[in-house]
Amino acid sequence: MNLNPILQIRQTPGIIGIDADRGQYSIQQPRADMSISTQPAQLETHQYQPVLKVDQSKANAAYNGGSLSEMNGRIYSGIQQIFLQNMANRVQQGNNLAAIHIPGNTISNIVGTDIAAVPFPEFRGPASIDNVDVDFEIRAMDTSYQPAELNLNVQVNRPEVEYTRGKLDIYMQQHPSVQYTPPELDVKM
């Protein structure tokens, strides 16, 4: 007889199952919005016509006496000169008549010499190569310049981030257990 009882214990461990998937990121960023505008450069110029001035009043005075006031002025000053010369001649004749005792100072010699006509004063201006004045005026061109302008607007769009969580399943894949098997007793005696 065998009396060594042997107890059998059988143990099964528990197994936890974990099923996990990673989360996913989705990142998108729209392109930046740009607006560009330009203002062109502007150049403005203004050019003046040349001016030619010709003054030929002195030449007209030499040809035909010029204006009436100029001509009268020359005649008046010429008559003054003729009057003064005639007065000087009369004084000289009076002096010669006073000295009648000098041979050749006879009345016929003194009074007979002034029978020539006195010329009319010159009413025209002097003739010269400088009687025509020419003035040529050139004005510089006016220029104004406005440079071009560039307007640039950039609107940056923020990135769009989406996160999708993964799954996480925790479960018991195998439950723990303990089995006791008592020994068989052989009772045959």
Protein backbone atom coordinates (compact mmCIF):
# COMPACT_ATOMS: atom_id res chain seq x y z
CA MET A 1 0.00 0.00 0.00
CA ASN A 2 1.16 3.19 -0.93
CA LEU A 3 0.18 5.95 1.47
CA ASN A 4 2.03 8.80 0.17
CA PRO A 5 -0.69 11.05 -0.79
CA ILE A 6 0.36 13.58 -3.39
CA LEU A 7 -1.75 16.63 -3.94
CA GLN A 8 -1.50 18.09 -7.40
CA ILE A 9 -1.88 21.80 -7.80
CA ARG A 10 -2.07 23.13 -11.26
CA GLN A 11 -1.97 26.88 -11.69
CA THR A 12 -2.75 28.80 -14.87
CA PRO A 13 -1.51 32.41 -14.88
CA GLY A 14 -3.71 35.24 -15.97
CA ILE A 15 -2.79 36.87 -19.30
CA ILE A 16 -3.84 40.41 -20.03
CA GLY A 17 -4.17 41.25 -23.70
CA ILE A 18 -3.53 44.81 -24.86
CA ASP A 19 -4.40 45.89 -28.37
CA ALA A 20 -3.20 49.43 -29.06
CA ASP A 21 -2.97 51.40 -32.27
CA ARG A 22 -1.01 54.62 -32.43
CA GLY A 23 -2.73 57.94 -32.83
CA GLN A 24 -2.34 59.78 -36.14
CA TYR A 25 -1.48 63.39 -36.80
CA SER A 26 -2.66 65.15 -39.94
CA ILE A 27 -0.91 68.47 -40.57
CA GLN A 28 -1.82 70.73 -43.48
CA GLN A 29 -0.85 74.30 -44.08
CA PRO A 30 -2.56 76.28 -46.84
CA ARG A 31 -0.39 78.45 -48.97
CA ALA A 32 0.09 82.03 -47.91
CA ASP A 33 -2.22 84.59 -49.48
CA MET A 34 -0.28 87.25 -51.36
CA SER A 35 -1.49 90.44 -52.92
CA ILE A 36 0.95 92.45 -54.98
CA SER A 37 0.18 95.85 -56.41
CA THR A 38 2.51 98.20 -58.17
CA GLN A 39 2.24 101.83 -58.99
CA PRO A 40 4.30 102.61 -62.06
CA ALA A 41 6.95 105.29 -62.05
CA GLN A 42 5.95 108.66 -63.38
CA LEU A 43 8.19 110.96 -65.34
CA GLU A 44 6.88 114.36 -66.28
CA THR A 45 8.79 116.75 -68.46
CA HIS A 46 7.92 120.20 -69.64
CA GLN A 47 10.01 121.68 -72.38
CA TYR A 48 9.84 125.36 -73.15
CA GLN A 49 10.04 126.78 -76.61
CA PRO A 50 13.15 128.87 -77.24
CA VAL A 51 12.44 132.60 -77.39
CA LEU A 52 14.08 134.75 -80.03
CA LYS A 53 13.94 138.48 -79.40
CA VAL A 54 15.06 140.86 -82.12
CA ASP A 55 15.21 144.55 -81.29
CA GLN A 56 15.70 146.60 -84.44
CA SER A 57 14.47 149.91 -83.10
CA LYS A 58 17.97 151.41 -83.55
CA ALA A 59 18.03 150.21 -87.16
CA ASN A 60 14.57 151.74 -87.76
CA ALA A 61 15.85 154.98 -86.21
CA ALA A 62 18.81 154.91 -88.62
CA TYR A 63 16.54 154.18 -91.64
CA ASN A 64 13.59 156.47 -91.09
CA GLY A 65 14.06 158.26 -87.79
CA GLY A 66 12.29 155.74 -85.57
CA SER A 67 9.30 156.70 -83.48
CA LEU A 68 7.90 160.22 -83.52
CA SER A 69 9.12 161.06 -80.01
CA GLU A 70 12.69 159.88 -80.81
CA MET A 71 12.74 161.85 -84.05
CA ASN A 72 11.44 165.03 -82.35
CA GLY A 73 14.05 164.63 -79.62
CA ARG A 74 16.87 164.45 -82.19
CA ILE A 75 15.49 167.45 -84.13
CA TYR A 76 15.12 169.51 -80.94
CA SER A 77 18.68 168.78 -79.77
CA GLY A 78 19.96 169.45 -83.34
CA ILE A 79 18.18 172.81 -83.47
CA GLN A 80 19.78 173.76 -80.17
CA GLN A 81 23.22 172.99 -81.64
CA ILE A 82 22.42 174.96 -84.82
CA PHE A 83 21.16 177.89 -82.75
CA LEU A 84 24.34 177.91 -80.64
CA GLN A 85 26.52 177.69 -83.77
CA ASN A 86 24.61 180.53 -85.42
CA MET A 87 24.95 182.61 -82.30
CA ALA A 88 28.70 181.95 -82.22
CA ASN A 89 28.89 182.97 -85.92
CA ARG A 90 26.99 186.20 -85.20
CA VAL A 91 29.30 187.01 -82.32
CA GLN A 92 32.29 186.33 -84.57
CA GLN A 93 30.80 188.58 -87.26
CA GLY A 94 30.21 191.31 -84.66
CA ASN A 95 33.80 191.00 -83.52
CA ASN A 96 34.99 191.26 -87.15
CA LEU A 97 32.78 194.32 -87.69
CA ALA A 98 34.24 195.89 -84.57
CA ALA A 99 37.68 195.35 -86.02
CA ILE A 100 36.85 197.02 -89.31
CA HIS A 101 40.25 198.70 -89.31
CA ILE A 102 41.91 195.38 -90.12
CA PRO A 103 42.28 194.86 -93.85
CA GLY A 104 39.81 192.25 -95.19
CA ASN A 105 37.21 193.00 -92.55
CA THR A 106 34.91 194.91 -94.82
CA ILE A 107 31.18 194.76 -94.42
CA SER A 108 30.77 192.97 -97.72
CA ASN A 109 33.32 190.31 -96.71
CA ILE A 110 31.74 189.77 -93.29
CA VAL A 111 28.02 189.86 -94.18
CA GLY A 112 28.39 188.23 -97.60
CA THR A 113 29.80 184.98 -96.22
CA ASP A 114 26.62 183.85 -94.40
CA ILE A 115 24.40 183.40 -97.42
CA ALA A 116 24.73 179.60 -97.33
CA ALA A 117 21.63 177.75 -96.09
CA VAL A 118 21.86 176.21 -92.67
CA PRO A 119 21.24 172.45 -92.91
CA PHE A 120 18.24 170.94 -91.09
CA PRO A 121 19.33 168.86 -88.09
CA GLU A 122 19.72 165.11 -88.65
CA PHE A 123 16.51 163.38 -87.54
CA ARG A 124 17.80 159.82 -88.06
CA GLY A 125 19.82 157.84 -85.60
CA PRO A 126 23.45 156.87 -86.18
CA ALA A 127 24.09 154.00 -88.59
CA SER A 128 26.04 151.11 -87.10
CA ILE A 129 26.46 147.36 -87.44
CA ASP A 130 25.27 147.03 -83.82
CA ASN A 131 21.85 148.55 -84.48
CA VAL A 132 20.04 145.18 -84.32
CA ASP A 133 20.06 143.42 -80.94
CA VAL A 134 19.41 139.68 -81.08
CA ASP A 135 18.66 137.79 -77.87
CA PHE A 136 18.07 134.03 -77.96
CA GLU A 137 16.69 132.64 -74.69
CA ILE A 138 16.68 128.92 -73.98
CA ARG A 139 15.08 127.66 -70.78
CA ALA A 140 16.08 124.35 -69.30
CA MET A 141 13.56 121.54 -69.38
CA ASP A 142 11.55 120.96 -66.17
CA THR A 143 11.60 117.33 -65.07
CA SER A 144 9.82 115.66 -62.16
CA TYR A 145 10.24 111.98 -61.37
CA GLN A 146 8.23 109.86 -58.97
CA PRO A 147 9.68 106.36 -58.47
CA ALA A 148 7.56 103.23 -58.71
CA GLU A 149 6.00 101.79 -55.58
CA LEU A 150 5.56 98.11 -54.81
CA ASN A 151 2.95 97.08 -52.24
CA LEU A 152 3.28 93.49 -51.08
CA ASN A 153 0.83 92.01 -48.55
CA VAL A 154 1.43 88.48 -47.33
CA GLN A 155 -1.16 86.75 -45.13
CA VAL A 156 0.34 83.60 -43.62
CA ASN A 157 -2.22 80.87 -42.94
CA ARG A 158 -1.76 78.90 -39.76
CA PRO A 159 -1.19 75.17 -40.06
CA GLU A 160 -4.23 72.96 -39.57
CA VAL A 161 -3.39 70.11 -37.18
CA GLU A 162 -5.75 67.20 -36.60
CA TYR A 163 -5.08 64.36 -34.20
CA THR A 164 -6.98 61.10 -34.36
CA ARG A 165 -6.57 59.06 -31.23
CA GLY A 166 -5.61 55.43 -31.59
CA LYS A 167 -7.54 52.68 -29.91
CA LEU A 168 -6.54 50.98 -26.71
CA ASP A 169 -8.24 47.72 -25.79
CA ILE A 170 -7.23 45.98 -22.60
CA TYR A 171 -8.80 42.59 -22.05
CA MET A 172 -8.18 39.33 -20.28
CA GLN A 173 -6.80 36.93 -22.74
CA GLN A 174 -6.59 34.15 -20.17
CA HIS A 175 -8.09 34.15 -16.72
CA PRO A 176 -5.95 32.85 -13.89
CA SER A 177 -6.96 29.60 -12.39
CA VAL A 178 -5.82 27.13 -9.75
CA GLN A 179 -6.74 23.44 -9.91
CA TYR A 180 -6.32 21.12 -7.06
CA THR A 181 -6.28 17.43 -7.81
CA PRO A 182 -6.40 15.30 -4.68
CA PRO A 183 -4.53 12.04 -4.75
CA GLU A 184 -6.33 8.88 -5.35
CA LEU A 185 -6.48 6.70 -2.46
CA ASP A 186 -6.22 3.10 -3.19
CA VAL A 187 -8.26 1.52 -0.56
CA LYS A 188 -7.87 -2.00 -1.48
CA MET A 189 -6.68 -3.58 1.32
